[in-house]
Amino acid sequence: MTRVHVLGASGYAAGEAIRLLHAHPLLEIGVLESRTHAGELLADHFPLLRTTDYRFALPGSVVESARAGDVVMAAGAAGQARDLVPALVAGGVRVIDLSADFRLDGAAAYGLTEWYRATIAAAPLVANPGCYPTATLLALLPLIGVADPVHVAVDAKSAISGAGRKPSVAALFAEVSGEVRAYGLQGHRHQPEIERYLRRAGARTALTFTPHVVPLARGMLVDVYAFFDYELDAGEVDAAYARAYDASSFVRVLARERTPSVAAVCGTNDAELRIDTDGRVVRAICAIDNLGKGAAGQAVQNLNVMLGYSEETGFHARAVVA
């Protein structure tokens, strides 16, 4: 069995990853490192792990314990992975980084599983995508293979857990309860990531990205509008999405009488898509769990690819709360 260690193990995404790793039949959980909760039981911080006896380890424990052939999931604060990962990789440890440290770094494979399986499988280092880029790129990339839009507008709504597990989040939840709040309008940190991988796919389009936070514990709904200077064939667009995702275990392209649902994907690694073509405009709606497909779920899916396992391995369990 492959040992998997977790850096920054006390965050929301880390907790979801540990839940999935605990249920995985082919993996063994190693060191779970936390700067803030060293020595404490995970069961006292994550209700979904109440029946486990894992404890948070001291800072430095992962680097000290990891050996060649192990895997490290880096889920700590920005900059932590950048400092520690090079030495781990040099020692034969494979790394999946859930922070943003390597998403714009050509030395790492980009972990959007459905689009980069081959590079993920062979990579010593995988940069797990952000939640907004995951939903946006899943919704857009099949279309880029058909035509190049002149402009793309993204209206995205994320649950409060996307802000991370820190004391300010409770206050923020109280502030956004009963409201939908736009933020990051002068340049959200995920926009360069979205633009980079659209360019890699061949798109030259301008992007308007508007993120919102909504009073949900977990989940994300992204509405993507692609504008063209000519009319598209709806059948050709539908065929492109079918080619992209018909063989996917986790991406569902819905019939037009159905709408992507945050509730339907909560606690899963699933993504739901609906595509509508109306003349010169294509609307693509994507629902994911920001902690699942947008973070920990996709990380475990990538881990399965890296180790040569079926992508579905370990995904039989379902969570419904953060």
C-alpha atoms as a PDB file:
ATOM      1  CA  MET A   1       0.000   0.000   0.000  1.00  0.00           C
ATOM      2  CA  THR A   2       1.185   3.534  -0.759  1.00  0.00           C
ATOM      3  CA  ARG A   3       1.663   5.875   2.189  1.00  0.00           C
ATOM      4  CA  VAL A   4       0.121   9.333   1.826  1.00  0.00           C
ATOM      5  CA  HIS A   5       1.129  12.220   4.091  1.00  0.00           C
ATOM      6  CA  VAL A   6      -0.731  15.533   4.385  1.00  0.00           C
ATOM      7  CA  LEU A   7       0.867  18.942   4.968  1.00  0.00           C
ATOM      8  CA  GLY A   8      -1.460  21.563   6.393  1.00  0.00           C
ATOM      9  CA  ALA A   9      -3.845  18.869   7.568  1.00  0.00           C
ATOM     10  CA  SER A  10      -6.257  21.035   9.563  1.00  0.00           C
ATOM     11  CA  GLY A  11      -7.939  22.943   6.706  1.00  0.00           C
ATOM     12  CA  TYR A  12     -11.284  22.180   5.066  1.00  0.00           C
ATOM     13  CA  ALA A  13      -9.794  20.724   1.879  1.00  0.00           C
ATOM     14  CA  ALA A  14      -7.297  18.687   3.905  1.00  0.00           C
ATOM     15  CA  GLY A  15     -10.072  17.294   6.091  1.00  0.00           C
ATOM     16  CA  GLU A  16     -12.015  16.213   3.021  1.00  0.00           C
ATOM     17  CA  ALA A  17      -8.879  14.641   1.551  1.00  0.00           C
ATOM     18  CA  ILE A  18      -8.205  12.727   4.768  1.00  0.00           C
ATOM     19  CA  ARG A  19     -11.798  11.456   4.790  1.00  0.00           C
ATOM     20  CA  LEU A  20     -11.330  10.090   1.268  1.00  0.00           C
ATOM     21  CA  LEU A  21      -7.875   8.677   1.995  1.00  0.00           C
ATOM     22  CA  HIS A  22      -9.198   6.944   5.128  1.00  0.00           C
ATOM     23  CA  ALA A  23     -11.823   5.143   3.019  1.00  0.00           C
ATOM     24  CA  HIS A  24      -9.421   4.287   0.185  1.00  0.00           C
ATOM     25  CA  PRO A  25      -8.699   0.537   0.038  1.00  0.00           C
ATOM     26  CA  LEU A  26      -5.232   0.868  -1.529  1.00  0.00           C
ATOM     27  CA  LEU A  27      -3.703   3.707   0.502  1.00  0.00           C
ATOM     28  CA  GLU A  28      -2.257   4.071   3.988  1.00  0.00           C
ATOM     29  CA  ILE A  29      -2.420   7.401   5.809  1.00  0.00           C
ATOM     30  CA  GLY A  30       0.968   8.522   7.071  1.00  0.00           C
ATOM     31  CA  VAL A  31       1.827  11.801   8.820  1.00  0.00           C
ATOM     32  CA  LEU A  32      -0.882  14.473   9.143  1.00  0.00           C
ATOM     33  CA  GLU A  33       1.004  17.670   9.884  1.00  0.00           C
ATOM     34  CA  SER A  34      -0.486  20.866  11.318  1.00  0.00           C
ATOM     35  CA  ARG A  35       1.220  24.014  12.539  1.00  0.00           C
ATOM     36  CA  THR A  36      -1.757  25.019  14.695  1.00  0.00           C
ATOM     37  CA  HIS A  37      -3.064  21.734  16.161  1.00  0.00           C
ATOM     38  CA  ALA A  38      -0.002  19.499  16.646  1.00  0.00           C
ATOM     39  CA  GLY A  39      -0.705  16.663  19.091  1.00  0.00           C
ATOM     40  CA  GLU A  40      -4.477  17.040  18.950  1.00  0.00           C
ATOM     41  CA  LEU A  41      -6.920  14.425  17.685  1.00  0.00           C
ATOM     42  CA  LEU A  42      -8.402  15.026  14.239  1.00  0.00           C
ATOM     43  CA  ALA A  43     -11.652  13.628  15.668  1.00  0.00           C
ATOM     44  CA  ASP A  44     -11.971  16.764  17.800  1.00  0.00           C
ATOM     45  CA  HIS A  45     -11.835  19.022  14.743  1.00  0.00           C
ATOM     46  CA  PHE A  46     -13.546  17.037  11.957  1.00  0.00           C
ATOM     47  CA  PRO A  47     -16.887  15.403  12.881  1.00  0.00           C
ATOM     48  CA  LEU A  48     -16.643  13.153   9.824  1.00  0.00           C
ATOM     49  CA  LEU A  49     -13.462  11.637  11.309  1.00  0.00           C
ATOM     50  CA  ARG A  50     -14.924  11.180  14.784  1.00  0.00           C
ATOM     51  CA  THR A  51     -14.322   7.424  14.830  1.00  0.00           C
ATOM     52  CA  THR A  52     -10.635   7.667  13.865  1.00  0.00           C
ATOM     53  CA  ASP A  53      -7.617   7.982  16.146  1.00  0.00           C
ATOM     54  CA  TYR A  54      -5.395  10.115  13.904  1.00  0.00           C
ATOM     55  CA  ARG A  55      -3.438  12.940  15.535  1.00  0.00           C
ATOM     56  CA  PHE A  56      -1.972  16.072  14.017  1.00  0.00           C
ATOM     57  CA  ALA A  57       1.824  15.912  13.886  1.00  0.00           C
ATOM     58  CA  LEU A  58       4.393  18.615  14.576  1.00  0.00           C
ATOM     59  CA  PRO A  59       5.684  20.917  11.822  1.00  0.00           C
ATOM     60  CA  GLY A  60       8.533  19.239   9.973  1.00  0.00           C
ATOM     61  CA  SER A  61       7.158  15.744  10.513  1.00  0.00           C
ATOM     62  CA  VAL A  62       6.208  15.140   6.890  1.00  0.00           C
ATOM     63  CA  VAL A  63       9.634  16.045   5.539  1.00  0.00           C
ATOM     64  CA  GLU A  64      11.249  13.881   8.207  1.00  0.00           C
ATOM     65  CA  SER A  65       8.994  10.847   7.578  1.00  0.00           C
ATOM     66  CA  ALA A  66       8.379  10.821   3.813  1.00  0.00           C
ATOM     67  CA  ARG A  67      10.362   8.267   1.834  1.00  0.00           C
ATOM     68  CA  ALA A  68      10.791   7.493  -1.850  1.00  0.00           C
ATOM     69  CA  GLY A  69       7.588   5.978  -3.173  1.00  0.00           C
ATOM     70  CA  ASP A  70       5.388   7.886  -0.717  1.00  0.00           C
ATOM     71  CA  VAL A  71       2.976  10.634  -1.750  1.00  0.00           C
ATOM     72  CA  VAL A  72       2.531  14.000  -0.037  1.00  0.00           C
ATOM     73  CA  MET A  73      -0.589  16.131  -0.364  1.00  0.00           C
ATOM     74  CA  ALA A  74       0.382  19.726   0.360  1.00  0.00           C
ATOM     75  CA  ALA A  75      -2.676  21.603   1.635  1.00  0.00           C
ATOM     76  CA  GLY A  76      -1.041  24.298   3.705  1.00  0.00           C
ATOM     77  CA  ALA A  77      -0.872  28.064   3.415  1.00  0.00           C
ATOM     78  CA  ALA A  78       0.421  29.792   0.303  1.00  0.00           C
ATOM     79  CA  GLY A  79       4.195  29.527   0.048  1.00  0.00           C
ATOM     80  CA  GLN A  80       4.594  26.479   2.291  1.00  0.00           C
ATOM     81  CA  ALA A  81       4.704  23.978  -0.553  1.00  0.00           C
ATOM     82  CA  ARG A  82       7.070  26.163  -2.569  1.00  0.00           C
ATOM     83  CA  ASP A  83       9.615  25.895   0.236  1.00  0.00           C
ATOM     84  CA  LEU A  84       9.285  22.160   0.945  1.00  0.00           C
ATOM     85  CA  VAL A  85       8.308  20.391  -2.280  1.00  0.00           C
ATOM     86  CA  PRO A  86      11.614  20.551  -4.224  1.00  0.00           C
ATOM     87  CA  ALA A  87      13.465  18.512  -1.589  1.00  0.00           C
ATOM     88  CA  LEU A  88      10.614  15.998  -1.340  1.00  0.00           C
ATOM     89  CA  VAL A  89      10.533  15.458  -5.115  1.00  0.00           C
ATOM     90  CA  ALA A  90      14.325  15.160  -5.230  1.00  0.00           C
ATOM     91  CA  GLY A  91      14.011  12.369  -2.667  1.00  0.00           C
ATOM     92  CA  GLY A  92      11.611  10.352  -4.807  1.00  0.00           C
ATOM     93  CA  VAL A  93       8.398  11.494  -3.108  1.00  0.00           C
ATOM     94  CA  ARG A  94       5.515  12.377  -5.415  1.00  0.00           C
ATOM     95  CA  VAL A  95       3.531  15.478  -4.488  1.00  0.00           C
ATOM     96  CA  ILE A  96       0.037  16.796  -5.140  1.00  0.00           C
ATOM     97  CA  ASP A  97      -0.134  20.476  -4.225  1.00  0.00           C
ATOM     98  CA  LEU A  98      -3.594  21.755  -3.250  1.00  0.00           C
ATOM     99  CA  SER A  99      -2.320  25.289  -2.708  1.00  0.00           C
ATOM    100  CA  ALA A 100      -1.716  27.739  -5.553  1.00  0.00           C
ATOM    101  CA  ASP A 101       2.078  27.533  -5.372  1.00  0.00           C
ATOM    102  CA  PHE A 102       2.670  25.563  -8.594  1.00  0.00           C
ATOM    103  CA  ARG A 103      -0.434  26.175 -10.734  1.00  0.00           C
ATOM    104  CA  LEU A 104       1.389  28.626 -12.969  1.00  0.00           C
ATOM    105  CA  ASP A 105       4.658  26.687 -12.883  1.00  0.00           C
ATOM    106  CA  GLY A 106       5.560  24.702 -15.985  1.00  0.00           C
ATOM    107  CA  ALA A 107       7.523  22.220 -13.864  1.00  0.00           C
ATOM    108  CA  ALA A 108       4.275  20.795 -12.440  1.00  0.00           C
ATOM    109  CA  ALA A 109       1.589  18.822 -14.244  1.00  0.00           C
ATOM    110  CA  TYR A 110      -1.751  20.616 -14.097  1.00  0.00           C
ATOM    111  CA  GLY A 111      -4.224  18.406 -12.278  1.00  0.00           C
ATOM    112  CA  LEU A 112      -7.419  18.951 -14.264  1.00  0.00           C
ATOM    113  CA  THR A 113      -7.826  15.208 -14.529  1.00  0.00           C
ATOM    114  CA  GLU A 114     -10.211  14.873 -17.469  1.00  0.00           C
ATOM    115  CA  TRP A 115      -7.888  16.950 -19.672  1.00  0.00           C
ATOM    116  CA  TYR A 116      -4.356  16.080 -18.531  1.00  0.00           C
ATOM    117  CA  ARG A 117      -4.424  12.404 -17.530  1.00  0.00           C
ATOM    118  CA  ALA A 118      -1.269  11.438 -19.447  1.00  0.00           C
ATOM    119  CA  THR A 119       0.957  14.105 -17.888  1.00  0.00           C
ATOM    120  CA  ILE A 120      -0.551  13.548 -14.431  1.00  0.00           C
ATOM    121  CA  ALA A 121       0.178   9.814 -14.595  1.00  0.00           C
ATOM    122  CA  ALA A 122       3.904  10.351 -15.093  1.00  0.00           C
ATOM    123  CA  ALA A 123       4.386  13.494 -13.001  1.00  0.00           C
ATOM    124  CA  PRO A 124       6.437  13.730  -9.799  1.00  0.00           C
ATOM    125  CA  LEU A 125       4.542  16.956  -8.972  1.00  0.00           C
ATOM    126  CA  VAL A 126       0.886  17.755  -9.715  1.00  0.00           C
ATOM    127  CA  ALA A 127      -0.625  21.203  -9.179  1.00  0.00           C
ATOM    128  CA  ASN A 128      -4.243  20.650  -8.194  1.00  0.00           C
ATOM    129  CA  PRO A 129      -6.485  23.283  -9.837  1.00  0.00           C
ATOM    130  CA  GLY A 130      -8.402  25.892  -7.912  1.00  0.00           C
ATOM    131  CA  CYS A 131     -12.149  25.410  -7.507  1.00  0.00           C
ATOM    132  CA  TYR A 132     -13.184  28.286  -9.812  1.00  0.00           C
ATOM    133  CA  PRO A 133     -10.769  27.194 -12.569  1.00  0.00           C
ATOM    134  CA  THR A 134     -11.956  23.590 -12.295  1.00  0.00           C
ATOM    135  CA  ALA A 135     -15.608  24.454 -12.892  1.00  0.00           C
ATOM    136  CA  THR A 136     -14.844  27.112 -15.501  1.00  0.00           C
ATOM    137  CA  LEU A 137     -12.421  25.010 -17.530  1.00  0.00           C
ATOM    138  CA  LEU A 138     -14.638  21.916 -17.435  1.00  0.00           C
ATOM    139  CA  ALA A 139     -17.396  24.107 -18.853  1.00  0.00           C
ATOM    140  CA  LEU A 140     -15.268  25.820 -21.507  1.00  0.00           C
ATOM    141  CA  LEU A 141     -12.559  23.518 -22.820  1.00  0.00           C
ATOM    142  CA  PRO A 142     -14.753  21.300 -25.049  1.00  0.00           C
ATOM    143  CA  LEU A 143     -16.060  24.450 -26.716  1.00  0.00           C
ATOM    144  CA  ILE A 144     -12.558  25.754 -27.428  1.00  0.00           C
ATOM    145  CA  GLY A 145     -12.030  22.662 -29.532  1.00  0.00           C
ATOM    146  CA  VAL A 146     -14.926  23.726 -31.769  1.00  0.00           C
ATOM    147  CA  ALA A 147     -14.418  27.483 -32.141  1.00  0.00           C
ATOM    148  CA  ASP A 148     -12.663  30.481 -30.625  1.00  0.00           C
ATOM    149  CA  PRO A 149     -15.033  32.876 -28.832  1.00  0.00           C
ATOM    150  CA  VAL A 150     -14.446  36.609 -29.045  1.00  0.00           C
ATOM    151  CA  HIS A 151     -15.329  37.058 -25.373  1.00  0.00           C
ATOM    152  CA  VAL A 152     -16.125  34.890 -22.367  1.00  0.00           C
ATOM    153  CA  ALA A 153     -18.008  36.068 -19.276  1.00  0.00           C
ATOM    154  CA  VAL A 154     -17.983  33.936 -16.127  1.00  0.00           C
ATOM    155  CA  ASP A 155     -20.505  34.454 -13.312  1.00  0.00           C
ATOM    156  CA  ALA A 156     -19.363  32.198 -10.454  1.00  0.00           C
ATOM    157  CA  LYS A 157     -20.816  31.566  -6.998  1.00  0.00           C
ATOM    158  CA  SER A 158     -18.866  29.753  -4.271  1.00  0.00           C
ATOM    159  CA  ALA A 159     -19.716  28.484  -0.803  1.00  0.00           C
ATOM    160  CA  ILE A 160     -18.135  30.133   2.197  1.00  0.00           C
ATOM    161  CA  SER A 161     -15.763  27.200   2.821  1.00  0.00           C
ATOM    162  CA  GLY A 162     -13.783  28.457  -0.183  1.00  0.00           C
ATOM    163  CA  ALA A 163     -12.443  31.187   2.103  1.00  0.00           C
ATOM    164  CA  GLY A 164     -10.560  28.604   4.144  1.00  0.00           C
ATOM    165  CA  ARG A 165     -10.789  27.404   7.722  1.00  0.00           C
ATOM    166  CA  LYS A 166      -9.974  30.369   9.894  1.00  0.00           C
ATOM    167  CA  PRO A 167     -11.752  32.368  12.612  1.00  0.00           C
ATOM    168  CA  SER A 168     -12.813  35.126  10.213  1.00  0.00           C
ATOM    169  CA  VAL A 169     -14.921  32.672   8.208  1.00  0.00           C
ATOM    170  CA  ALA A 170     -17.599  32.453  10.907  1.00  0.00           C
ATOM    171  CA  ALA A 171     -17.984  36.228  10.868  1.00  0.00           C
ATOM    172  CA  LEU A 172     -18.018  36.239   7.073  1.00  0.00           C
ATOM    173  CA  PHE A 173     -20.791  33.628   7.013  1.00  0.00           C
ATOM    174  CA  ALA A 174     -22.893  35.849   9.274  1.00  0.00           C
ATOM    175  CA  GLU A 175     -22.248  38.796   6.971  1.00  0.00           C
ATOM    176  CA  VAL A 176     -23.228  37.001   3.768  1.00  0.00           C
ATOM    177  CA  SER A 177     -26.231  35.153   5.191  1.00  0.00           C
ATOM    178  CA  GLY A 178     -29.198  36.353   3.153  1.00  0.00           C
ATOM    179  CA  GLU A 179     -26.898  37.984   0.582  1.00  0.00           C
ATOM    180  CA  VAL A 180     -24.878  37.228  -2.539  1.00  0.00           C
ATOM    181  CA  ARG A 181     -21.585  39.152  -2.434  1.00  0.00           C
ATOM    182  CA  ALA A 182     -19.364  39.870  -5.440  1.00  0.00           C
ATOM    183  CA  TYR A 183     -15.659  40.194  -4.659  1.00  0.00           C
ATOM    184  CA  GLY A 184     -12.238  40.171  -6.296  1.00  0.00           C
ATOM    185  CA  LEU A 185     -13.497  42.493  -9.036  1.00  0.00           C
ATOM    186  CA  GLN A 186     -10.110  44.167  -9.505  1.00  0.00           C
ATOM    187  CA  GLY A 187      -8.497  40.831 -10.317  1.00  0.00           C
ATOM    188  CA  HIS A 188      -9.261  37.573  -8.553  1.00  0.00           C
ATOM    189  CA  ARG A 189      -6.276  35.313  -7.849  1.00  0.00           C
ATOM    190  CA  HIS A 190      -7.805  32.487  -9.922  1.00  0.00           C
ATOM    191  CA  GLN A 191      -8.252  34.510 -13.108  1.00  0.00           C
ATOM    192  CA  PRO A 192      -4.629  34.127 -14.333  1.00  0.00           C
ATOM    193  CA  GLU A 193      -4.953  30.360 -13.840  1.00  0.00           C
ATOM    194  CA  ILE A 194      -8.121  30.215 -15.948  1.00  0.00           C
ATOM    195  CA  GLU A 195      -6.560  32.388 -18.650  1.00  0.00           C
ATOM    196  CA  ARG A 196      -3.352  30.331 -18.740  1.00  0.00           C
ATOM    197  CA  TYR A 197      -5.113  27.055 -19.456  1.00  0.00           C
ATOM    198  CA  LEU A 198      -7.534  28.583 -21.923  1.00  0.00           C
ATOM    199  CA  ARG A 199      -4.481  29.847 -23.822  1.00  0.00           C
ATOM    200  CA  ARG A 200      -2.899  26.419 -23.619  1.00  0.00           C
ATOM    201  CA  ALA A 201      -6.045  25.013 -25.256  1.00  0.00           C
ATOM    202  CA  GLY A 202      -5.702  27.534 -28.079  1.00  0.00           C
ATOM    203  CA  ALA A 203      -8.203  30.195 -26.995  1.00  0.00           C
ATOM    204  CA  ARG A 204      -7.404  33.848 -27.650  1.00  0.00           C
ATOM    205  CA  THR A 205     -10.540  35.224 -26.031  1.00  0.00           C
ATOM    206  CA  ALA A 206     -10.816  38.004 -23.466  1.00  0.00           C
ATOM    207  CA  LEU A 207     -12.243  36.930 -20.106  1.00  0.00           C
ATOM    208  CA  THR A 208     -14.549  38.751 -17.700  1.00  0.00           C
ATOM    209  CA  PHE A 209     -14.610  36.871 -14.401  1.00  0.00           C
ATOM    210  CA  THR A 210     -17.010  37.766 -11.584  1.00  0.00           C
ATOM    211  CA  PRO A 211     -16.806  35.602  -8.448  1.00  0.00           C
ATOM    212  CA  HIS A 212     -19.389  35.713  -5.666  1.00  0.00           C
ATOM    213  CA  VAL A 213     -19.595  34.206  -2.210  1.00  0.00           C
ATOM    214  CA  VAL A 214     -22.973  32.786  -1.189  1.00  0.00           C
ATOM    215  CA  PRO A 215     -24.260  31.514   2.185  1.00  0.00           C
ATOM    216  CA  LEU A 216     -23.656  27.797   1.611  1.00  0.00           C
ATOM    217  CA  ALA A 217     -21.269  25.549   3.537  1.00  0.00           C
ATOM    218  CA  ARG A 218     -19.921  23.913   0.367  1.00  0.00           C
ATOM    219  CA  GLY A 219     -20.617  23.924  -3.349  1.00  0.00           C
ATOM    220  CA  MET A 220     -20.102  26.046  -6.446  1.00  0.00           C
ATOM    221  CA  LEU A 221     -22.195  27.056  -9.446  1.00  0.00           C
ATOM    222  CA  VAL A 222     -20.477  28.650 -12.440  1.00  0.00           C
ATOM    223  CA  ASP A 223     -22.353  30.171 -15.393  1.00  0.00           C
ATOM    224  CA  VAL A 224     -20.115  30.630 -18.448  1.00  0.00           C
ATOM    225  CA  TYR A 225     -21.214  32.717 -21.454  1.00  0.00           C
ATOM    226  CA  ALA A 226     -19.134  32.436 -24.625  1.00  0.00           C
ATOM    227  CA  PHE A 227     -19.802  35.023 -27.332  1.00  0.00           C
ATOM    228  CA  PHE A 228     -18.961  34.514 -31.012  1.00  0.00           C
ATOM    229  CA  ASP A 229     -19.050  36.703 -34.102  1.00  0.00           C
ATOM    230  CA  TYR A 230     -20.916  34.041 -36.085  1.00  0.00           C
ATOM    231  CA  GLU A 231     -23.675  31.524 -35.409  1.00  0.00           C
ATOM    232  CA  LEU A 232     -22.694  28.099 -34.090  1.00  0.00           C
ATOM    233  CA  ASP A 233     -24.230  24.756 -34.918  1.00  0.00           C
ATOM    234  CA  ALA A 234     -25.836  23.445 -31.718  1.00  0.00           C
ATOM    235  CA  GLY A 235     -25.371  19.837 -32.776  1.00  0.00           C
ATOM    236  CA  GLU A 236     -21.649  20.380 -33.288  1.00  0.00           C
ATOM    237  CA  VAL A 237     -21.337  21.981 -29.862  1.00  0.00           C
ATOM    238  CA  ASP A 238     -23.232  19.141 -28.178  1.00  0.00           C
ATOM    239  CA  ALA A 239     -21.055  16.584 -29.946  1.00  0.00           C
ATOM    240  CA  ALA A 240     -17.907  18.276 -28.654  1.00  0.00           C
ATOM    241  CA  TYR A 241     -19.072  17.942 -25.035  1.00  0.00           C
ATOM    242  CA  ALA A 242     -20.092  14.333 -25.624  1.00  0.00           C
ATOM    243  CA  ARG A 243     -16.630  13.533 -26.998  1.00  0.00           C
ATOM    244  CA  ALA A 244     -14.990  15.212 -24.047  1.00  0.00           C
ATOM    245  CA  TYR A 245     -16.999  13.632 -21.229  1.00  0.00           C
ATOM    246  CA  ASP A 246     -18.979  10.580 -22.326  1.00  0.00           C
ATOM    247  CA  ALA A 247     -16.279   8.293 -20.912  1.00  0.00           C
ATOM    248  CA  SER A 248     -15.798  10.333 -17.735  1.00  0.00           C
ATOM    249  CA  SER A 249     -16.768   8.813 -14.403  1.00  0.00           C
ATOM    250  CA  PHE A 250     -17.307  12.152 -12.704  1.00  0.00           C
ATOM    251  CA  VAL A 251     -18.571  14.656 -15.291  1.00  0.00           C
ATOM    252  CA  ARG A 252     -22.249  14.495 -16.271  1.00  0.00           C
ATOM    253  CA  VAL A 253     -23.562  16.483 -19.236  1.00  0.00           C
ATOM    254  CA  LEU A 254     -27.264  16.871 -18.540  1.00  0.00           C
ATOM    255  CA  ALA A 255     -30.130  16.869 -20.985  1.00  0.00           C
ATOM    256  CA  ARG A 256     -31.645  20.307 -21.548  1.00  0.00           C
ATOM    257  CA  GLU A 257     -34.691  19.709 -19.358  1.00  0.00           C
ATOM    258  CA  ARG A 258     -32.347  19.379 -16.352  1.00  0.00           C
ATOM    259  CA  THR A 259     -30.222  21.969 -14.544  1.00  0.00           C
ATOM    260  CA  PRO A 260     -26.905  21.461 -12.708  1.00  0.00           C
ATOM    261  CA  SER A 261     -27.492  21.216  -8.964  1.00  0.00           C
ATOM    262  CA  VAL A 262     -25.126  22.075  -6.139  1.00  0.00           C
ATOM    263  CA  ALA A 263     -27.120  19.777  -3.853  1.00  0.00           C
ATOM    264  CA  ALA A 264     -26.668  16.885  -6.307  1.00  0.00           C
ATOM    265  CA  VAL A 265     -22.859  17.102  -6.237  1.00  0.00           C
ATOM    266  CA  CYS A 266     -22.350  18.008  -2.553  1.00  0.00           C
ATOM    267  CA  GLY A 267     -19.905  15.625  -0.901  1.00  0.00           C
ATOM    268  CA  THR A 268     -18.848  14.067  -4.201  1.00  0.00           C
ATOM    269  CA  ASN A 269     -16.174  14.401  -6.871  1.00  0.00           C
ATOM    270  CA  ASP A 270     -18.876  14.937  -9.505  1.00  0.00           C
ATOM    271  CA  ALA A 271     -19.447  17.810 -11.886  1.00  0.00           C
ATOM    272  CA  GLU A 272     -22.759  18.499 -13.603  1.00  0.00           C
ATOM    273  CA  LEU A 273     -22.888  20.457 -16.869  1.00  0.00           C
ATOM    274  CA  ARG A 274     -25.648  21.892 -19.015  1.00  0.00           C
ATOM    275  CA  ILE A 275     -24.890  23.379 -22.432  1.00  0.00           C
ATOM    276  CA  ASP A 276     -27.208  25.670 -24.439  1.00  0.00           C
ATOM    277  CA  THR A 277     -26.410  27.164 -27.847  1.00  0.00           C
ATOM    278  CA  ASP A 278     -28.419  30.154 -29.018  1.00  0.00           C
ATOM    279  CA  GLY A 279     -27.107  31.633 -32.249  1.00  0.00           C
ATOM    280  CA  ARG A 280     -23.858  33.395 -31.416  1.00  0.00           C
ATOM    281  CA  VAL A 281     -23.901  32.598 -27.689  1.00  0.00           C
ATOM    282  CA  VAL A 282     -23.137  29.381 -25.817  1.00  0.00           C
ATOM    283  CA  ARG A 283     -24.097  29.138 -22.165  1.00  0.00           C
ATOM    284  CA  ALA A 284     -22.394  26.425 -20.098  1.00  0.00           C
ATOM    285  CA  ILE A 285     -23.428  25.898 -16.463  1.00  0.00           C
ATOM    286  CA  CYS A 286     -21.283  23.793 -14.140  1.00  0.00           C
ATOM    287  CA  ALA A 287     -21.992  22.656 -10.566  1.00  0.00           C
ATOM    288  CA  ILE A 288     -19.278  21.130  -8.373  1.00  0.00           C
ATOM    289  CA  ASP A 289     -18.484  20.740  -4.697  1.00  0.00           C
ATOM    290  CA  ASN A 290     -15.705  23.260  -4.085  1.00  0.00           C
ATOM    291  CA  LEU A 291     -14.147  20.905  -1.507  1.00  0.00           C
ATOM    292  CA  GLY A 292     -14.725  17.815  -3.679  1.00  0.00           C
ATOM    293  CA  LYS A 293     -14.107  18.182  -7.408  1.00  0.00           C
ATOM    294  CA  GLY A 294     -12.765  21.663  -6.660  1.00  0.00           C
ATOM    295  CA  ALA A 295     -10.096  20.440  -4.233  1.00  0.00           C
ATOM    296  CA  ALA A 296      -9.741  17.172  -2.289  1.00  0.00           C
ATOM    297  CA  GLY A 297     -11.821  14.940  -4.548  1.00  0.00           C
ATOM    298  CA  GLN A 298      -9.873  15.919  -7.629  1.00  0.00           C
ATOM    299  CA  ALA A 299      -6.622  15.452  -5.680  1.00  0.00           C
ATOM    300  CA  VAL A 300      -7.558  11.852  -4.852  1.00  0.00           C
ATOM    301  CA  GLN A 301      -8.681  11.301  -8.448  1.00  0.00           C
ATOM    302  CA  ASN A 302      -5.252  12.549  -9.559  1.00  0.00           C
ATOM    303  CA  LEU A 303      -3.576  10.323  -6.987  1.00  0.00           C
ATOM    304  CA  ASN A 304      -5.383   7.316  -8.447  1.00  0.00           C
ATOM    305  CA  VAL A 305      -4.140   8.278 -11.911  1.00  0.00           C
ATOM    306  CA  MET A 306      -0.567   8.722 -10.653  1.00  0.00           C
ATOM    307  CA  LEU A 307      -0.572   5.279  -9.036  1.00  0.00           C
ATOM    308  CA  GLY A 308      -2.278   3.495 -11.912  1.00  0.00           C
ATOM    309  CA  TYR A 309      -5.504   2.783 -10.028  1.00  0.00           C
ATOM    310  CA  SER A 310      -9.010   3.141 -11.384  1.00  0.00           C
ATOM    311  CA  GLU A 311     -10.053   6.785 -11.033  1.00  0.00           C
ATOM    312  CA  GLU A 312     -13.171   5.746  -9.100  1.00  0.00           C
ATOM    313  CA  THR A 313     -11.243   3.930  -6.340  1.00  0.00           C
ATOM    314  CA  GLY A 314     -12.097   5.245  -2.874  1.00  0.00           C
ATOM    315  CA  PHE A 315     -15.096   7.348  -3.903  1.00  0.00           C
ATOM    316  CA  HIS A 316     -17.871   5.200  -2.455  1.00  0.00           C
ATOM    317  CA  ALA A 317     -18.395   7.450   0.581  1.00  0.00           C
ATOM    318  CA  ARG A 318     -20.398  10.676   0.589  1.00  0.00           C
ATOM    319  CA  ALA A 319     -20.230  13.684   2.916  1.00  0.00           C
ATOM    320  CA  VAL A 320     -22.921  16.317   3.333  1.00  0.00           C
ATOM    321  CA  VAL A 321     -21.331  18.830   5.712  1.00  0.00           C
ATOM    322  CA  ALA A 322     -18.019  20.662   5.843  1.00  0.00           C
END
